[in-house]
Amino acid sequence: MKNNRFVAIVLVPGFLFLLVFVVFPVAYGLGISFYDYNPANSQNPFTGIENYKRLIHDEVFWIAVKNTIFFCVAAVTANIVITLFLAEMICILPSKWMKTLFRTILFIPCIAPMVGTSTVWKYGIFGTDGGALNRIAGLFGAAPKNWFLTTWQFMLLIIVFTLWADIGYNVVLFTAGIEGVPKEFEEAGAIDGAGPVRRFLWIKLPLMGRTFAFVAIMTMANYFQMFAQFRVFAASGGRNDSAMVLTNYVYKMSFDSFDMGYASAVAAALFVLVFAVAMLQNKMMRMDWSYE
């Protein structure tokens, strides 16, 4: 009983925090999606599912859905491939201080403010006048290019920035996962004649399945909610809404158009999409988390 009381005392503040700052805002946001809600109006009439019906015929919404899915699939795939490669390279370094050094260097962008680094990349690297990308292209005789007027290329540039800003976290996780694989298995594979690539693909990767599943699910869920870089690079969604994603569309509807009821409906659709993808990933990568 004393132990149960102690556990309850420890958990209650956490549950209260989640209730006030997570559950209540989510429920409130879902509730106002059934209203023609504008905080500047004294009357906010109940509209039922009209906001959700509006989603079906909203062309920009479906463009945002397509862009969000493309961004997540492309960025998450590239993130996992790159971070697995970097983690393996770090793990084969001969000394501990070198491993720590490279992990630290790769992790530094993760702790930098996303808005600040997005601004630096927008004007310092992708900028039409004086941007590093155009300067490098100028060395080969190419004329300066306005990257913000392109379509799919603009999205790829945002993906490159996102990878730079975010790969350090997964590198740390994968490094820990790889180092947790018993050396005996890899040594046995080497004795049987398996090369480094085969040992990684057929020995290390399966044995770090739990780490891989956690990283894939959390990265996908996180990337669906990416917002800062899209707001900085393409506040209006880019040319022909080529860089409009659901999070930016929610912000645009909320604070540019003050149509918060409809924005809440878009947010609810985003929640359903993230939940469905997370459940699908969890089923595809189902691991036995119990220990015998």
C-alpha atoms as a PDB file:
ATOM      1  CA  MET A   1       0.000   0.000   0.000  1.00  0.00           C
ATOM      2  CA  LYS A   2       2.834   2.366   0.812  1.00  0.00           C
ATOM      3  CA  ASN A   3       4.435   1.646  -2.561  1.00  0.00           C
ATOM      4  CA  ASN A   4       1.118   2.162  -4.361  1.00  0.00           C
ATOM      5  CA  ARG A   5       0.594   5.460  -2.569  1.00  0.00           C
ATOM      6  CA  PHE A   6       4.072   6.639  -3.550  1.00  0.00           C
ATOM      7  CA  VAL A   7       3.510   5.665  -7.201  1.00  0.00           C
ATOM      8  CA  ALA A   8       0.182   7.510  -7.210  1.00  0.00           C
ATOM      9  CA  ILE A   9       1.748  10.639  -5.696  1.00  0.00           C
ATOM     10  CA  VAL A  10       4.430  10.590  -8.394  1.00  0.00           C
ATOM     11  CA  LEU A  11       2.059   9.934 -11.307  1.00  0.00           C
ATOM     12  CA  VAL A  12      -0.825  12.265 -10.412  1.00  0.00           C
ATOM     13  CA  PRO A  13       1.056  15.522 -11.226  1.00  0.00           C
ATOM     14  CA  GLY A  14       2.042  14.097 -14.601  1.00  0.00           C
ATOM     15  CA  PHE A  15      -1.504  13.044 -15.393  1.00  0.00           C
ATOM     16  CA  LEU A  16      -2.819  16.461 -14.340  1.00  0.00           C
ATOM     17  CA  PHE A  17      -0.249  18.157 -16.591  1.00  0.00           C
ATOM     18  CA  LEU A  18      -1.286  15.998 -19.552  1.00  0.00           C
ATOM     19  CA  LEU A  19      -4.958  16.592 -18.809  1.00  0.00           C
ATOM     20  CA  VAL A  20      -4.630  20.390 -18.677  1.00  0.00           C
ATOM     21  CA  PHE A  21      -2.072  20.994 -21.408  1.00  0.00           C
ATOM     22  CA  VAL A  22      -2.707  18.095 -23.830  1.00  0.00           C
ATOM     23  CA  VAL A  23      -6.101  16.437 -23.439  1.00  0.00           C
ATOM     24  CA  PHE A  24      -8.111  19.613 -22.851  1.00  0.00           C
ATOM     25  CA  PRO A  25      -6.580  21.607 -25.795  1.00  0.00           C
ATOM     26  CA  VAL A  26      -7.089  18.641 -28.138  1.00  0.00           C
ATOM     27  CA  ALA A  27     -10.698  18.215 -27.032  1.00  0.00           C
ATOM     28  CA  TYR A  28     -11.334  21.958 -27.253  1.00  0.00           C
ATOM     29  CA  GLY A  29      -9.833  22.127 -30.738  1.00  0.00           C
ATOM     30  CA  LEU A  30     -11.955  19.205 -31.863  1.00  0.00           C
ATOM     31  CA  GLY A  31     -15.022  20.896 -30.382  1.00  0.00           C
ATOM     32  CA  ILE A  32     -14.598  24.205 -32.211  1.00  0.00           C
ATOM     33  CA  SER A  33     -14.242  22.329 -35.505  1.00  0.00           C
ATOM     34  CA  PHE A  34     -18.045  22.003 -35.360  1.00  0.00           C
ATOM     35  CA  TYR A  35     -18.502  25.792 -35.181  1.00  0.00           C
ATOM     36  CA  ASP A  36     -17.982  28.743 -37.490  1.00  0.00           C
ATOM     37  CA  TYR A  37     -15.468  29.956 -34.946  1.00  0.00           C
ATOM     38  CA  ASN A  38     -13.736  33.315 -35.012  1.00  0.00           C
ATOM     39  CA  PRO A  39     -12.428  34.769 -31.730  1.00  0.00           C
ATOM     40  CA  ALA A  40     -13.155  38.269 -33.004  1.00  0.00           C
ATOM     41  CA  ASN A  41     -16.874  37.536 -33.377  1.00  0.00           C
ATOM     42  CA  SER A  42     -19.352  37.688 -30.525  1.00  0.00           C
ATOM     43  CA  GLN A  43     -21.428  34.910 -32.098  1.00  0.00           C
ATOM     44  CA  ASN A  44     -19.958  31.612 -33.284  1.00  0.00           C
ATOM     45  CA  PRO A  45     -22.795  29.517 -34.680  1.00  0.00           C
ATOM     46  CA  PHE A  46     -22.808  25.743 -34.568  1.00  0.00           C
ATOM     47  CA  THR A  47     -22.338  24.317 -38.084  1.00  0.00           C
ATOM     48  CA  GLY A  48     -22.150  20.586 -37.387  1.00  0.00           C
ATOM     49  CA  ILE A  49     -19.970  18.741 -39.896  1.00  0.00           C
ATOM     50  CA  GLU A  50     -19.970  21.548 -42.465  1.00  0.00           C
ATOM     51  CA  ASN A  51     -16.264  22.226 -41.916  1.00  0.00           C
ATOM     52  CA  TYR A  52     -15.503  18.570 -42.636  1.00  0.00           C
ATOM     53  CA  LYS A  53     -17.654  18.630 -45.761  1.00  0.00           C
ATOM     54  CA  ARG A  54     -15.681  21.674 -46.841  1.00  0.00           C
ATOM     55  CA  LEU A  55     -12.466  19.650 -46.614  1.00  0.00           C
ATOM     56  CA  ILE A  56     -13.662  17.305 -49.322  1.00  0.00           C
ATOM     57  CA  HIS A  57     -14.005  20.125 -51.859  1.00  0.00           C
ATOM     58  CA  ASP A  58     -10.968  22.149 -50.743  1.00  0.00           C
ATOM     59  CA  GLU A  59      -8.315  21.832 -53.449  1.00  0.00           C
ATOM     60  CA  VAL A  60      -5.594  23.456 -51.323  1.00  0.00           C
ATOM     61  CA  PHE A  61      -6.273  20.979 -48.511  1.00  0.00           C
ATOM     62  CA  TRP A  62      -5.677  18.009 -50.807  1.00  0.00           C
ATOM     63  CA  ILE A  63      -2.523  19.631 -52.189  1.00  0.00           C
ATOM     64  CA  ALA A  64      -1.344  20.050 -48.598  1.00  0.00           C
ATOM     65  CA  VAL A  65      -2.131  16.387 -47.866  1.00  0.00           C
ATOM     66  CA  LYS A  66      -0.151  15.285 -50.929  1.00  0.00           C
ATOM     67  CA  ASN A  67       2.798  17.542 -50.045  1.00  0.00           C
ATOM     68  CA  THR A  68       2.763  16.397 -46.418  1.00  0.00           C
ATOM     69  CA  ILE A  69       2.804  12.714 -47.365  1.00  0.00           C
ATOM     70  CA  PHE A  70       5.529  13.253 -49.986  1.00  0.00           C
ATOM     71  CA  PHE A  71       7.654  15.229 -47.519  1.00  0.00           C
ATOM     72  CA  CYS A  72       7.280  12.634 -44.770  1.00  0.00           C
ATOM     73  CA  VAL A  73       7.944   9.587 -46.947  1.00  0.00           C
ATOM     74  CA  ALA A  74      10.943  11.150 -48.722  1.00  0.00           C
ATOM     75  CA  ALA A  75      12.455  12.814 -45.653  1.00  0.00           C
ATOM     76  CA  VAL A  76      11.948   9.880 -43.264  1.00  0.00           C
ATOM     77  CA  THR A  77      13.367   7.385 -45.761  1.00  0.00           C
ATOM     78  CA  ALA A  78      16.405   9.567 -46.423  1.00  0.00           C
ATOM     79  CA  ASN A  79      16.815  10.241 -42.700  1.00  0.00           C
ATOM     80  CA  ILE A  80      16.856   6.561 -41.747  1.00  0.00           C
ATOM     81  CA  VAL A  81      19.214   5.563 -44.562  1.00  0.00           C
ATOM     82  CA  ILE A  82      21.663   8.398 -43.843  1.00  0.00           C
ATOM     83  CA  THR A  83      21.569   8.025 -40.061  1.00  0.00           C
ATOM     84  CA  LEU A  84      22.074   4.250 -40.246  1.00  0.00           C
ATOM     85  CA  PHE A  85      25.116   4.779 -42.487  1.00  0.00           C
ATOM     86  CA  LEU A  86      26.566   7.521 -40.273  1.00  0.00           C
ATOM     87  CA  ALA A  87      25.928   5.519 -37.103  1.00  0.00           C
ATOM     88  CA  GLU A  88      27.722   2.493 -38.555  1.00  0.00           C
ATOM     89  CA  MET A  89      30.656   4.670 -39.634  1.00  0.00           C
ATOM     90  CA  ILE A  90      30.878   6.176 -36.150  1.00  0.00           C
ATOM     91  CA  CYS A  91      30.755   2.753 -34.495  1.00  0.00           C
ATOM     92  CA  ILE A  92      33.766   1.482 -36.446  1.00  0.00           C
ATOM     93  CA  LEU A  93      35.943   4.431 -35.409  1.00  0.00           C
ATOM     94  CA  PRO A  94      38.916   3.198 -33.376  1.00  0.00           C
ATOM     95  CA  SER A  95      38.709   5.501 -30.353  1.00  0.00           C
ATOM     96  CA  LYS A  96      35.924   6.545 -28.002  1.00  0.00           C
ATOM     97  CA  TRP A  97      36.744  10.262 -28.142  1.00  0.00           C
ATOM     98  CA  MET A  98      36.407  10.260 -31.933  1.00  0.00           C
ATOM     99  CA  LYS A  99      32.963   8.648 -31.660  1.00  0.00           C
ATOM    100  CA  THR A 100      31.915  11.251 -29.098  1.00  0.00           C
ATOM    101  CA  LEU A 101      33.272  14.073 -31.251  1.00  0.00           C
ATOM    102  CA  PHE A 102      31.365  13.084 -34.387  1.00  0.00           C
ATOM    103  CA  ARG A 103      28.154  12.373 -32.464  1.00  0.00           C
ATOM    104  CA  THR A 104      28.407  15.823 -30.886  1.00  0.00           C
ATOM    105  CA  ILE A 105      29.049  17.573 -34.202  1.00  0.00           C
ATOM    106  CA  LEU A 106      26.065  15.887 -35.833  1.00  0.00           C
ATOM    107  CA  PHE A 107      23.827  16.572 -32.832  1.00  0.00           C
ATOM    108  CA  ILE A 108      24.560  20.325 -32.617  1.00  0.00           C
ATOM    109  CA  PRO A 109      21.961  21.323 -35.292  1.00  0.00           C
ATOM    110  CA  CYS A 110      19.290  19.461 -33.287  1.00  0.00           C
ATOM    111  CA  ILE A 111      19.609  21.886 -30.374  1.00  0.00           C
ATOM    112  CA  ALA A 112      19.680  25.025 -32.554  1.00  0.00           C
ATOM    113  CA  PRO A 113      16.358  26.921 -32.883  1.00  0.00           C
ATOM    114  CA  MET A 114      14.591  25.731 -36.036  1.00  0.00           C
ATOM    115  CA  VAL A 115      13.315  29.211 -36.890  1.00  0.00           C
ATOM    116  CA  GLY A 116      16.796  30.736 -36.656  1.00  0.00           C
ATOM    117  CA  THR A 117      18.525  28.062 -38.718  1.00  0.00           C
ATOM    118  CA  SER A 118      15.689  28.138 -41.274  1.00  0.00           C
ATOM    119  CA  THR A 119      16.205  31.887 -41.695  1.00  0.00           C
ATOM    120  CA  VAL A 120      19.952  31.442 -42.136  1.00  0.00           C
ATOM    121  CA  TRP A 121      19.433  28.776 -44.780  1.00  0.00           C
ATOM    122  CA  LYS A 122      16.734  30.774 -46.552  1.00  0.00           C
ATOM    123  CA  TYR A 123      18.831  33.899 -47.026  1.00  0.00           C
ATOM    124  CA  GLY A 124      22.403  32.655 -46.559  1.00  0.00           C
ATOM    125  CA  ILE A 125      22.253  29.483 -48.649  1.00  0.00           C
ATOM    126  CA  PHE A 126      19.137  29.580 -50.857  1.00  0.00           C
ATOM    127  CA  GLY A 127      19.015  33.369 -51.266  1.00  0.00           C
ATOM    128  CA  THR A 128      18.825  34.677 -54.835  1.00  0.00           C
ATOM    129  CA  ASP A 129      21.307  37.493 -54.157  1.00  0.00           C
ATOM    130  CA  GLY A 130      24.393  36.326 -52.321  1.00  0.00           C
ATOM    131  CA  GLY A 131      23.131  32.862 -51.384  1.00  0.00           C
ATOM    132  CA  ALA A 132      25.818  30.204 -51.160  1.00  0.00           C
ATOM    133  CA  LEU A 133      23.976  27.893 -53.569  1.00  0.00           C
ATOM    134  CA  ASN A 134      23.848  30.545 -56.304  1.00  0.00           C
ATOM    135  CA  ARG A 135      27.454  31.541 -55.636  1.00  0.00           C
ATOM    136  CA  ILE A 136      28.587  27.956 -56.181  1.00  0.00           C
ATOM    137  CA  ALA A 137      26.467  27.713 -59.324  1.00  0.00           C
ATOM    138  CA  GLY A 138      28.018  31.000 -60.514  1.00  0.00           C
ATOM    139  CA  LEU A 139      31.473  29.441 -60.369  1.00  0.00           C
ATOM    140  CA  PHE A 140      30.329  27.111 -63.151  1.00  0.00           C
ATOM    141  CA  GLY A 141      28.818  29.921 -65.204  1.00  0.00           C
ATOM    142  CA  ALA A 142      25.191  29.426 -64.151  1.00  0.00           C
ATOM    143  CA  ALA A 143      22.936  32.432 -63.658  1.00  0.00           C
ATOM    144  CA  PRO A 144      21.441  33.103 -60.198  1.00  0.00           C
ATOM    145  CA  LYS A 145      18.200  31.228 -59.645  1.00  0.00           C
ATOM    146  CA  ASN A 146      15.237  32.071 -57.443  1.00  0.00           C
ATOM    147  CA  TRP A 147      14.731  28.733 -55.706  1.00  0.00           C
ATOM    148  CA  PHE A 148      11.536  29.951 -54.071  1.00  0.00           C
ATOM    149  CA  LEU A 149       9.762  30.160 -57.436  1.00  0.00           C
ATOM    150  CA  THR A 150      10.383  26.523 -58.318  1.00  0.00           C
ATOM    151  CA  THR A 151       7.951  23.712 -57.494  1.00  0.00           C
ATOM    152  CA  TRP A 152       9.246  20.236 -56.612  1.00  0.00           C
ATOM    153  CA  GLN A 153      12.832  21.485 -56.369  1.00  0.00           C
ATOM    154  CA  PHE A 154      11.796  23.846 -53.586  1.00  0.00           C
ATOM    155  CA  MET A 155      10.360  20.952 -51.581  1.00  0.00           C
ATOM    156  CA  LEU A 156      13.596  19.004 -52.044  1.00  0.00           C
ATOM    157  CA  LEU A 157      15.572  21.946 -50.663  1.00  0.00           C
ATOM    158  CA  ILE A 158      13.344  21.988 -47.587  1.00  0.00           C
ATOM    159  CA  ILE A 159      13.938  18.250 -47.185  1.00  0.00           C
ATOM    160  CA  VAL A 160      17.704  18.806 -47.366  1.00  0.00           C
ATOM    161  CA  PHE A 161      17.492  21.451 -44.651  1.00  0.00           C
ATOM    162  CA  THR A 162      15.306  19.209 -42.480  1.00  0.00           C
ATOM    163  CA  LEU A 163      17.796  16.360 -42.761  1.00  0.00           C
ATOM    164  CA  TRP A 164      20.659  18.659 -41.795  1.00  0.00           C
ATOM    165  CA  ALA A 165      18.735  19.929 -38.786  1.00  0.00           C
ATOM    166  CA  ASP A 166      17.434  16.572 -37.559  1.00  0.00           C
ATOM    167  CA  ILE A 167      19.714  13.641 -38.377  1.00  0.00           C
ATOM    168  CA  GLY A 168      21.855  14.030 -35.256  1.00  0.00           C
ATOM    169  CA  TYR A 169      19.146  12.721 -32.940  1.00  0.00           C
ATOM    170  CA  ASN A 170      18.649   9.481 -34.866  1.00  0.00           C
ATOM    171  CA  VAL A 171      22.398   9.036 -35.277  1.00  0.00           C
ATOM    172  CA  VAL A 172      22.706   8.941 -31.481  1.00  0.00           C
ATOM    173  CA  LEU A 173      19.864   6.406 -31.197  1.00  0.00           C
ATOM    174  CA  PHE A 174      21.177   4.159 -33.959  1.00  0.00           C
ATOM    175  CA  THR A 175      24.713   4.332 -32.584  1.00  0.00           C
ATOM    176  CA  ALA A 176      23.430   3.123 -29.224  1.00  0.00           C
ATOM    177  CA  GLY A 177      21.452   0.374 -30.964  1.00  0.00           C
ATOM    178  CA  ILE A 178      24.428  -0.826 -33.008  1.00  0.00           C
ATOM    179  CA  GLU A 179      26.762  -0.793 -30.009  1.00  0.00           C
ATOM    180  CA  GLY A 180      24.188  -2.840 -28.105  1.00  0.00           C
ATOM    181  CA  VAL A 181      24.484  -5.740 -30.556  1.00  0.00           C
ATOM    182  CA  PRO A 182      26.725  -8.451 -29.038  1.00  0.00           C
ATOM    183  CA  LYS A 183      30.096  -8.603 -30.770  1.00  0.00           C
ATOM    184  CA  GLU A 184      29.974 -12.396 -30.839  1.00  0.00           C
ATOM    185  CA  PHE A 185      27.326 -12.412 -33.555  1.00  0.00           C
ATOM    186  CA  GLU A 186      29.343 -10.180 -35.874  1.00  0.00           C
ATOM    187  CA  GLU A 187      32.497 -12.184 -35.211  1.00  0.00           C
ATOM    188  CA  ALA A 188      30.633 -15.377 -36.066  1.00  0.00           C
ATOM    189  CA  GLY A 189      29.449 -13.813 -39.323  1.00  0.00           C
ATOM    190  CA  ALA A 190      32.987 -12.741 -40.186  1.00  0.00           C
ATOM    191  CA  ILE A 191      34.248 -16.278 -39.552  1.00  0.00           C
ATOM    192  CA  ASP A 192      31.561 -17.606 -41.923  1.00  0.00           C
ATOM    193  CA  GLY A 193      32.863 -15.254 -44.616  1.00  0.00           C
ATOM    194  CA  ALA A 194      30.215 -12.500 -44.510  1.00  0.00           C
ATOM    195  CA  GLY A 195      31.497  -9.078 -45.552  1.00  0.00           C
ATOM    196  CA  PRO A 196      30.846  -5.823 -43.662  1.00  0.00           C
ATOM    197  CA  VAL A 197      27.696  -4.985 -45.645  1.00  0.00           C
ATOM    198  CA  ARG A 198      26.157  -8.444 -45.236  1.00  0.00           C
ATOM    199  CA  ARG A 199      27.018  -8.497 -41.522  1.00  0.00           C
ATOM    200  CA  PHE A 200      25.275  -5.159 -41.080  1.00  0.00           C
ATOM    201  CA  LEU A 201      22.171  -6.062 -43.113  1.00  0.00           C
ATOM    202  CA  TRP A 202      21.695  -9.624 -41.884  1.00  0.00           C
ATOM    203  CA  ILE A 203      23.083  -9.510 -38.338  1.00  0.00           C
ATOM    204  CA  LYS A 204      23.138  -6.022 -36.848  1.00  0.00           C
ATOM    205  CA  LEU A 205      19.982  -4.597 -38.408  1.00  0.00           C
ATOM    206  CA  PRO A 206      17.658  -7.471 -37.383  1.00  0.00           C
ATOM    207  CA  LEU A 207      19.072  -7.487 -33.844  1.00  0.00           C
ATOM    208  CA  MET A 208      18.393  -3.765 -33.427  1.00  0.00           C
ATOM    209  CA  GLY A 209      14.801  -4.137 -34.635  1.00  0.00           C
ATOM    210  CA  ARG A 210      13.319  -2.430 -31.571  1.00  0.00           C
ATOM    211  CA  THR A 211      15.525   0.611 -32.036  1.00  0.00           C
ATOM    212  CA  PHE A 212      14.689   0.720 -35.744  1.00  0.00           C
ATOM    213  CA  ALA A 213      10.940   0.473 -35.080  1.00  0.00           C
ATOM    214  CA  PHE A 214      11.072   3.229 -32.447  1.00  0.00           C
ATOM    215  CA  VAL A 215      13.093   5.554 -34.681  1.00  0.00           C
ATOM    216  CA  ALA A 216      10.867   4.968 -37.731  1.00  0.00           C
ATOM    217  CA  ILE A 217       7.589   5.540 -35.887  1.00  0.00           C
ATOM    218  CA  MET A 218       8.748   8.582 -33.906  1.00  0.00           C
ATOM    219  CA  THR A 219      10.465  10.195 -36.903  1.00  0.00           C
ATOM    220  CA  MET A 220       7.398   9.768 -39.097  1.00  0.00           C
ATOM    221  CA  ALA A 221       5.092  11.209 -36.427  1.00  0.00           C
ATOM    222  CA  ASN A 222       7.486  14.112 -35.876  1.00  0.00           C
ATOM    223  CA  TYR A 223       7.837  14.917 -39.573  1.00  0.00           C
ATOM    224  CA  PHE A 224       4.078  15.034 -40.069  1.00  0.00           C
ATOM    225  CA  GLN A 225       4.080  17.878 -37.539  1.00  0.00           C
ATOM    226  CA  MET A 226       7.012  19.844 -38.996  1.00  0.00           C
ATOM    227  CA  PHE A 227       6.076  23.507 -39.215  1.00  0.00           C
ATOM    228  CA  ALA A 228       8.828  26.061 -38.568  1.00  0.00           C
ATOM    229  CA  GLN A 229      10.856  25.535 -41.741  1.00  0.00           C
ATOM    230  CA  PHE A 230       7.762  25.599 -43.955  1.00  0.00           C
ATOM    231  CA  ARG A 231       6.566  28.814 -42.336  1.00  0.00           C
ATOM    232  CA  VAL A 232       9.967  30.456 -42.830  1.00  0.00           C
ATOM    233  CA  PHE A 233      10.698  29.177 -46.343  1.00  0.00           C
ATOM    234  CA  ALA A 234       7.167  29.397 -47.739  1.00  0.00           C
ATOM    235  CA  ALA A 235       4.777  31.269 -45.477  1.00  0.00           C
ATOM    236  CA  SER A 236       2.147  31.399 -48.223  1.00  0.00           C
ATOM    237  CA  GLY A 237       2.788  27.825 -49.365  1.00  0.00           C
ATOM    238  CA  GLY A 238       5.140  28.558 -52.225  1.00  0.00           C
ATOM    239  CA  ARG A 239       4.373  28.853 -55.899  1.00  0.00           C
ATOM    240  CA  ASN A 240       1.133  27.026 -56.740  1.00  0.00           C
ATOM    241  CA  ASP A 241       1.113  25.793 -53.125  1.00  0.00           C
ATOM    242  CA  SER A 242       4.054  23.540 -53.966  1.00  0.00           C
ATOM    243  CA  ALA A 243       5.335  23.691 -50.384  1.00  0.00           C
ATOM    244  CA  MET A 244       2.001  23.930 -48.551  1.00  0.00           C
ATOM    245  CA  VAL A 245       1.750  21.282 -45.840  1.00  0.00           C
ATOM    246  CA  LEU A 246      -1.055  20.625 -43.383  1.00  0.00           C
ATOM    247  CA  THR A 247       0.598  22.315 -40.401  1.00  0.00           C
ATOM    248  CA  ASN A 248       1.192  25.505 -42.386  1.00  0.00           C
ATOM    249  CA  TYR A 249      -2.354  25.340 -43.744  1.00  0.00           C
ATOM    250  CA  VAL A 250      -3.727  25.099 -40.197  1.00  0.00           C
ATOM    251  CA  TYR A 251      -1.738  28.200 -39.250  1.00  0.00           C
ATOM    252  CA  LYS A 252      -2.819  30.041 -42.386  1.00  0.00           C
ATOM    253  CA  MET A 253      -6.494  29.316 -41.785  1.00  0.00           C
ATOM    254  CA  SER A 254      -6.207  30.180 -38.078  1.00  0.00           C
ATOM    255  CA  PHE A 255      -4.149  33.356 -37.982  1.00  0.00           C
ATOM    256  CA  ASP A 256      -4.269  34.702 -41.528  1.00  0.00           C
ATOM    257  CA  SER A 257      -7.920  34.023 -42.325  1.00  0.00           C
ATOM    258  CA  PHE A 258      -9.158  33.756 -38.694  1.00  0.00           C
ATOM    259  CA  ASP A 259     -11.254  30.779 -39.747  1.00  0.00           C
ATOM    260  CA  MET A 260     -10.390  28.753 -36.673  1.00  0.00           C
ATOM    261  CA  GLY A 261     -13.323  26.377 -36.929  1.00  0.00           C
ATOM    262  CA  TYR A 262     -12.148  25.204 -40.330  1.00  0.00           C
ATOM    263  CA  ALA A 263      -8.511  25.200 -39.177  1.00  0.00           C
ATOM    264  CA  SER A 264      -9.517  22.870 -36.346  1.00  0.00           C
ATOM    265  CA  ALA A 265     -11.124  20.539 -38.874  1.00  0.00           C
ATOM    266  CA  VAL A 266      -7.854  20.496 -40.851  1.00  0.00           C
ATOM    267  CA  ALA A 267      -5.960  19.791 -37.621  1.00  0.00           C
ATOM    268  CA  ALA A 268      -8.341  16.929 -36.849  1.00  0.00           C
ATOM    269  CA  ALA A 269      -7.692  15.484 -40.310  1.00  0.00           C
ATOM    270  CA  LEU A 270      -3.954  15.753 -39.660  1.00  0.00           C
ATOM    271  CA  PHE A 271      -4.384  13.946 -36.338  1.00  0.00           C
ATOM    272  CA  VAL A 272      -6.273  11.107 -38.029  1.00  0.00           C
ATOM    273  CA  LEU A 273      -3.596  10.866 -40.738  1.00  0.00           C
ATOM    274  CA  VAL A 274      -0.729  10.736 -38.213  1.00  0.00           C
ATOM    275  CA  PHE A 275      -2.586   8.207 -36.057  1.00  0.00           C
ATOM    276  CA  ALA A 276      -3.332   5.962 -39.031  1.00  0.00           C
ATOM    277  CA  VAL A 277       0.258   6.041 -40.274  1.00  0.00           C
ATOM    278  CA  ALA A 278       1.615   5.368 -36.764  1.00  0.00           C
ATOM    279  CA  MET A 279      -0.710   2.388 -36.319  1.00  0.00           C
ATOM    280  CA  LEU A 280       0.241   1.039 -39.762  1.00  0.00           C
ATOM    281  CA  GLN A 281       3.938   1.372 -38.974  1.00  0.00           C
ATOM    282  CA  ASN A 282       3.440  -0.230 -35.594  1.00  0.00           C
ATOM    283  CA  LYS A 283       1.705  -3.207 -37.211  1.00  0.00           C
ATOM    284  CA  MET A 284       4.320  -3.573 -39.932  1.00  0.00           C
ATOM    285  CA  MET A 285       7.224  -3.303 -37.475  1.00  0.00           C
ATOM    286  CA  ARG A 286       5.582  -5.112 -34.571  1.00  0.00           C
ATOM    287  CA  MET A 287       8.226  -6.256 -32.139  1.00  0.00           C
ATOM    288  CA  ASP A 288       8.001  -8.495 -29.098  1.00  0.00           C
ATOM    289  CA  TRP A 289       8.783  -5.965 -26.380  1.00  0.00           C
ATOM    290  CA  SER A 290       8.454  -8.461 -23.530  1.00  0.00           C
ATOM    291  CA  TYR A 291      11.380 -10.286 -22.037  1.00  0.00           C
ATOM    292  CA  GLU A 292      11.181 -13.970 -21.212  1.00  0.00           C
END
